[in-house]
Amino acid sequence: MFNMGVKYIFRLDDVNPSMNWNEFHRYINLFKKYNIKPLIGVIPDNQDKEIKKYEFNDNFWKIIKDLVDSKVVDISQHGYQHQLFPTSIQSPHSIGVFSKKSEFSGLSRQEQYDKILKGKNIMKEYGVESDIWMSPAHTLDNSTIEVLVDLGFKIITDGSGLFPFKSEKMLFVPQQFERPRRMPIGVITFCIHTNNSSDILYQDTEKLLESSSNDCISIRDVKVGKGKLGYYFINKLFQFFLIKIRSIKLLILDIRL
């Protein structure tokens, strides 16, 4: 038998010098209140105008380093420049991802290596290097994974399933939902984009923390459980339903077009 309890992880995406700082600090303070350590996804050299909407903060790297050094957050590298292009090439681990854009999927192995290394070196320069990878648009291909292994990454905060799994020398910690909700089983990662947050989303987050803070963990607390075969079949069942949902969504989009 294996334990089918539930654990929750929170991650904050698209962290960059020109983000919505008020919302970012609001969430950081909320997690501090409940002694929860979220994962933040830092874009090393953000060039995506869609998320470059606010005033540039010259103290960005100092603020991020202070949060990391004080153990308030875990940090991940969120791509390189977050410049997305259309692609249909993905790893099998991206099953169920609705995005048709990526910063890396479909590029040559060397192109991916060069971009990821540039981002890694920027973070290293500011003293916030990480072995956790957060893919822009949740997309990656097999070459991405190979490069990440070569560059010393250990954890990918993405993948399809209800439970973490190991594959190709990486620990995949699936990200399932954006809006916090109670779940009966799984290691559930909620992805919050503070640039696009709302009072309702914030309230839903606090409501879950109020009722389930003891079930919240940091991504570095994640372990692949015993009874691996049971987790494997649950993940496969979850992937099956994701594929069905994706097929229906794409069909609706095609009809509208």
Protein backbone atom coordinates (compact mmCIF):
# COMPACT_ATOMS: atom_id res chain seq x y z
CA MET A 1 0.00 0.00 0.00
CA PHE A 2 1.06 3.59 -0.52
CA ASN A 3 0.02 6.79 1.19
CA MET A 4 -2.33 8.84 -1.01
CA GLY A 5 -2.37 11.97 1.10
CA VAL A 6 -2.19 15.48 -0.28
CA LYS A 7 0.54 18.12 -0.13
CA TYR A 8 0.48 21.63 -1.62
CA ILE A 9 3.25 23.69 -3.20
CA PHE A 10 2.96 27.33 -4.26
CA ARG A 11 5.01 28.90 -7.01
CA LEU A 12 5.13 32.50 -8.23
CA ASP A 13 5.87 32.84 -11.94
CA ASP A 14 7.43 35.53 -14.14
CA VAL A 15 9.49 37.22 -11.42
CA ASN A 16 11.42 40.05 -13.09
CA PRO A 17 12.49 43.67 -12.42
CA SER A 18 9.41 45.15 -14.15
CA MET A 19 6.69 43.06 -12.53
CA ASN A 20 3.78 44.10 -10.33
CA TRP A 21 5.78 44.61 -7.14
CA ASN A 22 2.78 45.40 -4.96
CA GLU A 23 1.18 42.05 -5.72
CA PHE A 24 4.48 40.20 -5.43
CA HIS A 25 5.13 41.57 -1.94
CA ARG A 26 1.52 40.97 -0.96
CA TYR A 27 1.89 37.26 -1.68
CA ILE A 28 5.34 37.03 -0.11
CA ASN A 29 3.97 38.55 3.09
CA LEU A 30 1.00 36.18 3.01
CA PHE A 31 3.27 33.14 2.78
CA LYS A 32 5.45 34.54 5.56
CA LYS A 33 2.36 34.84 7.76
CA TYR A 34 1.69 31.11 7.44
CA ASN A 35 5.36 30.09 7.45
CA ILE A 36 5.13 28.73 3.90
CA LYS A 37 8.12 28.80 1.55
CA PRO A 38 6.97 29.37 -2.06
CA LEU A 39 9.02 28.74 -5.17
CA ILE A 40 9.71 31.83 -7.28
CA GLY A 41 10.53 31.60 -10.98
CA VAL A 42 13.08 34.28 -11.88
CA ILE A 43 13.59 35.29 -15.51
CA PRO A 44 17.32 36.07 -15.79
CA ASP A 45 17.00 38.64 -18.61
CA ASN A 46 13.33 39.35 -19.24
CA GLN A 47 12.57 40.65 -22.74
CA ASP A 48 8.89 39.67 -22.86
CA LYS A 49 6.91 42.90 -23.21
CA GLU A 50 3.71 41.16 -22.09
CA ILE A 51 5.08 40.81 -18.57
CA LYS A 52 7.32 43.87 -18.62
CA LYS A 53 4.50 46.25 -17.69
CA TYR A 54 5.65 48.04 -14.57
CA GLU A 55 8.44 50.36 -13.53
CA PHE A 56 11.90 48.78 -13.59
CA ASN A 57 13.25 48.13 -10.09
CA ASP A 58 17.02 48.71 -9.92
CA ASN A 59 17.20 46.75 -6.66
CA PHE A 60 15.71 43.61 -8.19
CA TRP A 61 18.64 41.25 -7.68
CA LYS A 62 19.34 42.48 -4.15
CA ILE A 63 15.70 41.94 -3.17
CA ILE A 64 15.70 38.45 -4.66
CA LYS A 65 19.02 37.51 -3.02
CA ASP A 66 17.80 38.79 0.35
CA LEU A 67 14.66 36.62 0.06
CA VAL A 68 16.75 33.57 -0.83
CA ASP A 69 19.40 34.16 1.84
CA SER A 70 16.76 34.63 4.51
CA LYS A 71 15.12 31.34 3.41
CA VAL A 72 11.81 33.05 2.69
CA VAL A 73 11.64 31.51 -0.80
CA ASP A 74 13.10 28.80 -2.96
CA ILE A 75 14.27 30.01 -6.35
CA SER A 76 14.16 28.52 -9.84
CA GLN A 77 15.48 29.66 -13.20
CA HIS A 78 12.49 30.57 -15.35
CA GLY A 79 14.00 30.27 -18.83
CA TYR A 80 16.33 32.94 -20.17
CA GLN A 81 14.51 35.91 -21.74
CA HIS A 82 10.93 34.56 -21.83
CA GLN A 83 10.67 35.30 -25.56
CA LEU A 84 8.15 32.76 -26.85
CA PHE A 85 7.67 31.41 -30.37
CA PRO A 86 5.08 29.01 -31.88
CA THR A 87 6.01 25.33 -31.64
CA SER A 88 4.38 21.91 -31.65
CA ILE A 89 7.44 19.95 -30.47
CA GLN A 90 7.24 18.84 -26.85
CA SER A 91 8.50 16.19 -24.47
CA PRO A 92 6.06 13.41 -23.51
CA HIS A 93 6.26 14.93 -20.02
CA SER A 94 4.42 17.99 -21.35
CA ILE A 95 1.25 15.96 -22.00
CA GLY A 96 -1.83 18.05 -21.32
CA VAL A 97 -0.06 21.42 -21.70
CA PHE A 98 -2.36 23.73 -23.64
CA SER A 99 0.31 26.19 -24.74
CA LYS A 100 1.54 26.06 -28.34
CA LYS A 101 4.40 28.42 -27.58
CA SER A 102 7.82 27.90 -26.04
CA GLU A 103 11.16 29.57 -25.45
CA PHE A 104 13.08 26.35 -26.12
CA SER A 105 11.06 23.46 -27.57
CA GLY A 106 12.04 22.82 -31.18
CA LEU A 107 15.37 24.64 -31.08
CA SER A 108 18.60 22.71 -31.66
CA ARG A 109 20.33 21.24 -28.65
CA GLN A 110 23.19 23.74 -28.99
CA GLU A 111 20.81 26.72 -29.19
CA GLN A 112 19.04 25.56 -26.05
CA TYR A 113 22.31 24.94 -24.26
CA ASP A 114 23.62 28.42 -25.07
CA LYS A 115 20.44 30.18 -23.92
CA ILE A 116 20.01 28.22 -20.72
CA LEU A 117 23.68 28.67 -19.84
CA LYS A 118 23.44 32.43 -20.41
CA GLY A 119 20.52 32.60 -18.01
CA LYS A 120 22.31 30.40 -15.49
CA ASN A 121 25.41 32.62 -15.60
CA ILE A 122 23.37 35.77 -15.02
CA MET A 123 21.82 34.28 -11.90
CA LYS A 124 25.20 33.02 -10.73
CA GLU A 125 26.63 36.52 -11.15
CA TYR A 126 24.04 37.83 -8.66
CA GLY A 127 24.50 34.94 -6.23
CA VAL A 128 21.12 33.26 -6.75
CA GLU A 129 22.01 30.22 -8.85
CA SER A 130 19.52 27.34 -8.67
CA ASP A 131 19.24 23.71 -9.74
CA ILE A 132 15.45 24.03 -10.17
CA TRP A 133 14.05 24.67 -13.65
CA MET A 134 10.72 26.37 -14.47
CA SER A 135 9.86 26.23 -18.17
CA PRO A 136 8.29 29.31 -19.81
CA ALA A 137 4.82 28.34 -21.09
CA HIS A 138 5.31 24.98 -19.31
CA THR A 139 6.91 23.56 -22.47
CA LEU A 140 10.12 21.62 -23.00
CA ASP A 141 11.37 18.92 -25.35
CA ASN A 142 13.80 16.05 -24.94
CA SER A 143 16.76 18.26 -25.85
CA THR A 144 15.76 20.71 -23.11
CA ILE A 145 15.88 17.93 -20.53
CA GLU A 146 19.27 16.69 -21.79
CA VAL A 147 20.72 20.21 -21.55
CA LEU A 148 19.30 20.72 -18.06
CA VAL A 149 20.94 17.50 -16.89
CA ASP A 150 24.25 18.56 -18.43
CA LEU A 151 24.07 21.94 -16.69
CA GLY A 152 23.43 20.46 -13.25
CA PHE A 153 19.69 20.99 -12.83
CA LYS A 154 17.98 18.45 -10.57
CA ILE A 155 14.29 19.45 -10.41
CA ILE A 156 11.74 20.50 -13.03
CA THR A 157 8.60 22.18 -11.70
CA ASP A 158 6.38 20.81 -14.45
CA GLY A 159 5.27 17.52 -15.94
CA SER A 160 1.96 15.68 -16.05
CA GLY A 161 0.63 13.80 -13.05
CA LEU A 162 -0.71 14.03 -9.54
CA PHE A 163 2.53 12.86 -7.95
CA PRO A 164 6.23 13.65 -8.51
CA PHE A 165 8.24 11.18 -10.59
CA LYS A 166 11.82 10.65 -11.66
CA SER A 167 12.76 10.41 -15.32
CA GLU A 168 15.95 11.01 -17.29
CA LYS A 169 17.91 11.87 -14.11
CA MET A 170 15.43 14.62 -13.22
CA LEU A 171 12.80 14.94 -10.50
CA PHE A 172 9.59 16.21 -12.08
CA VAL A 173 7.19 17.96 -9.70
CA PRO A 174 3.98 18.45 -11.73
CA GLN A 175 2.19 21.80 -11.77
CA GLN A 176 -1.54 21.22 -12.06
CA PHE A 177 -3.58 24.32 -11.24
CA GLU A 178 -3.51 28.12 -11.14
CA ARG A 179 -6.34 28.70 -8.68
CA PRO A 180 -5.86 27.15 -5.20
CA ARG A 181 -8.35 24.42 -4.32
CA ARG A 182 -8.62 21.51 -1.92
CA MET A 183 -7.67 18.15 -3.37
CA PRO A 184 -8.07 14.64 -1.91
CA ILE A 185 -4.73 13.26 -3.11
CA GLY A 186 -1.53 14.29 -4.85
CA VAL A 187 1.37 16.68 -4.58
CA ILE A 188 -0.37 19.73 -5.99
CA THR A 189 1.50 22.77 -7.28
CA PHE A 190 -0.41 26.02 -7.72
CA CYS A 191 1.01 28.47 -10.26
CA ILE A 192 0.32 32.13 -9.39
CA HIS A 193 1.14 34.94 -11.82
CA THR A 194 1.29 38.00 -9.59
CA ASN A 195 1.14 40.35 -12.58
CA ASN A 196 -2.37 39.09 -13.33
CA SER A 197 -3.55 38.38 -9.81
CA SER A 198 -6.89 39.54 -8.41
CA ASP A 199 -8.40 39.99 -4.98
CA ILE A 200 -10.41 36.81 -5.51
CA LEU A 201 -7.28 34.78 -6.29
CA TYR A 202 -5.52 36.23 -3.26
CA GLN A 203 -8.51 35.41 -1.04
CA ASP A 204 -8.65 31.85 -2.39
CA THR A 205 -4.96 31.46 -1.62
CA GLU A 206 -5.35 32.72 1.94
CA LYS A 207 -8.42 30.52 2.45
CA LEU A 208 -6.43 27.41 1.53
CA LEU A 209 -3.53 28.48 3.74
CA GLU A 210 -5.88 29.06 6.67
CA SER A 211 -7.33 25.56 6.42
CA SER A 212 -4.37 23.56 5.13
CA SER A 213 -1.09 25.25 6.04
CA ASN A 214 0.11 22.01 7.66
CA ASP A 215 -0.26 20.31 4.28
CA CYS A 216 1.91 22.88 2.49
CA ILE A 217 5.53 22.03 1.73
CA SER A 218 8.42 23.56 -0.16
CA ILE A 219 9.54 21.99 -3.42
CA ARG A 220 12.76 20.81 -1.77
CA ASP A 221 10.71 18.73 0.66
CA VAL A 222 9.37 16.63 -2.22
CA LYS A 223 10.28 12.97 -2.34
CA VAL A 224 9.16 10.26 -4.73
CA GLY A 225 7.03 7.99 -2.55
CA LYS A 226 7.22 4.29 -2.00
CA GLY A 227 4.78 2.12 -3.90
CA LYS A 228 6.02 3.62 -7.16
CA LEU A 229 3.81 1.41 -9.32
CA GLY A 230 0.66 2.83 -7.71
CA TYR A 231 1.82 6.40 -8.24
CA TYR A 232 2.73 5.54 -11.83
CA PHE A 233 -0.77 4.33 -12.67
CA ILE A 234 -2.42 7.31 -10.97
CA ASN A 235 -0.21 9.66 -13.00
CA LYS A 236 -1.06 7.82 -16.22
CA LEU A 237 -4.78 8.07 -15.45
CA PHE A 238 -4.39 11.80 -14.76
CA GLN A 239 -2.52 12.22 -18.07
CA PHE A 240 -5.31 10.38 -19.89
CA PHE A 241 -7.89 12.89 -18.69
CA LEU A 242 -5.57 15.80 -19.51
CA ILE A 243 -5.27 14.55 -23.09
CA LYS A 244 -9.05 14.31 -23.37
CA ILE A 245 -9.51 17.84 -21.98
CA ARG A 246 -6.82 19.18 -24.31
CA SER A 247 -8.43 17.52 -27.34
CA ILE A 248 -11.82 19.06 -26.51
CA LYS A 249 -10.27 22.49 -25.94
CA LEU A 250 -8.36 22.39 -29.24
CA LEU A 251 -11.51 21.26 -31.06
CA ILE A 252 -13.46 24.22 -29.65
CA LEU A 253 -10.68 26.60 -30.70
CA ASP A 254 -10.65 25.14 -34.23
CA ILE A 255 -14.43 25.57 -34.49
CA ARG A 256 -14.18 29.21 -33.39
CA LEU A 257 -11.44 29.88 -35.96
